[in-house]
Protein backbone atom coordinates (compact mmCIF):
# COMPACT_ATOMS: atom_id res chain seq x y z
CA MET A 1 37.31 -20.79 -3.41
CA SER A 2 39.57 -19.57 -6.19
CA MET A 3 36.70 -19.85 -8.68
CA ILE A 4 34.61 -17.35 -6.70
CA ALA A 5 37.50 -14.91 -6.55
CA ALA A 6 38.01 -15.25 -10.29
CA LEU A 7 34.37 -14.33 -11.01
CA PHE A 8 34.38 -11.14 -8.96
CA GLU A 9 35.30 -8.15 -11.08
CA PRO A 10 35.31 -4.88 -9.12
CA LEU A 11 35.01 -2.85 -12.32
CA ASN A 12 31.71 -4.58 -13.14
CA PHE A 13 30.41 -3.60 -9.71
CA VAL A 14 31.33 0.04 -10.30
CA GLU A 15 29.69 0.01 -13.73
CA ASN A 16 26.47 -1.44 -12.27
CA LEU A 17 26.21 1.28 -9.61
CA ARG A 18 24.53 3.41 -12.27
CA TYR A 19 21.67 0.92 -12.61
CA MET A 20 21.33 0.60 -8.85
CA GLY A 21 21.14 4.38 -8.56
CA LEU A 22 18.48 4.58 -11.27
CA GLY A 23 16.45 1.91 -9.50
CA MET A 24 16.64 3.78 -6.20
CA LEU A 25 15.67 7.02 -7.95
CA GLY A 26 12.65 5.26 -9.44
CA ILE A 27 11.61 3.99 -6.03
CA PHE A 28 11.83 7.49 -4.51
CA ILE A 29 9.83 8.95 -7.41
CA VAL A 30 7.06 6.38 -6.91
CA ILE A 31 6.99 7.02 -3.15
CA GLY A 32 6.75 10.76 -3.84
CA VAL A 33 3.88 10.31 -6.30
CA ILE A 34 1.98 8.12 -3.82
CA THR A 35 2.54 10.69 -1.05
CA LEU A 36 1.38 13.60 -3.20
CA LEU A 37 -1.65 11.64 -4.39
CA THR A 38 -2.59 10.83 -0.80
CA ILE A 39 -2.29 14.49 0.24
CA PHE A 40 -4.35 15.56 -2.78
CA LEU A 41 -7.09 13.04 -2.08
CA ASN A 42 -7.23 14.08 1.59
CA LYS A 43 -7.65 17.73 0.57
CA VAL A 44 -10.35 16.94 -1.99
CA THR A 45 -12.41 14.66 0.23
CA GLU A 46 -12.18 16.49 3.55
CA GLN A 47 -15.48 17.63 5.02
CA LYS A 48 -16.10 21.27 5.59
CA PRO A 49 -17.13 22.32 9.13
CA ASP A 50 -20.68 23.17 7.93
CA GLU A 51 -21.08 19.88 6.05
CA GLN A 52 -20.50 17.58 9.01
CA PRO A 53 -23.33 15.13 9.57
CA ASP A 54 -25.59 15.72 12.55
CA GLN A 55 -24.63 13.66 15.55
CA LYS A 56 -27.64 12.54 17.48
CA GLY A 57 -27.19 11.05 20.86
């Protein structure tokens, strides 16, 4: 038990918060890019009202 307590350094945790923050920022950027790409592709590929295929039935 004392060995585990000796390995924990709170200052190291605080120093590594920077890397955790950068990783989270990267994740949010990727999610944003995917969202914007999806919106863009939906706008580009949407059918106009006059281009809808004839529905027979």
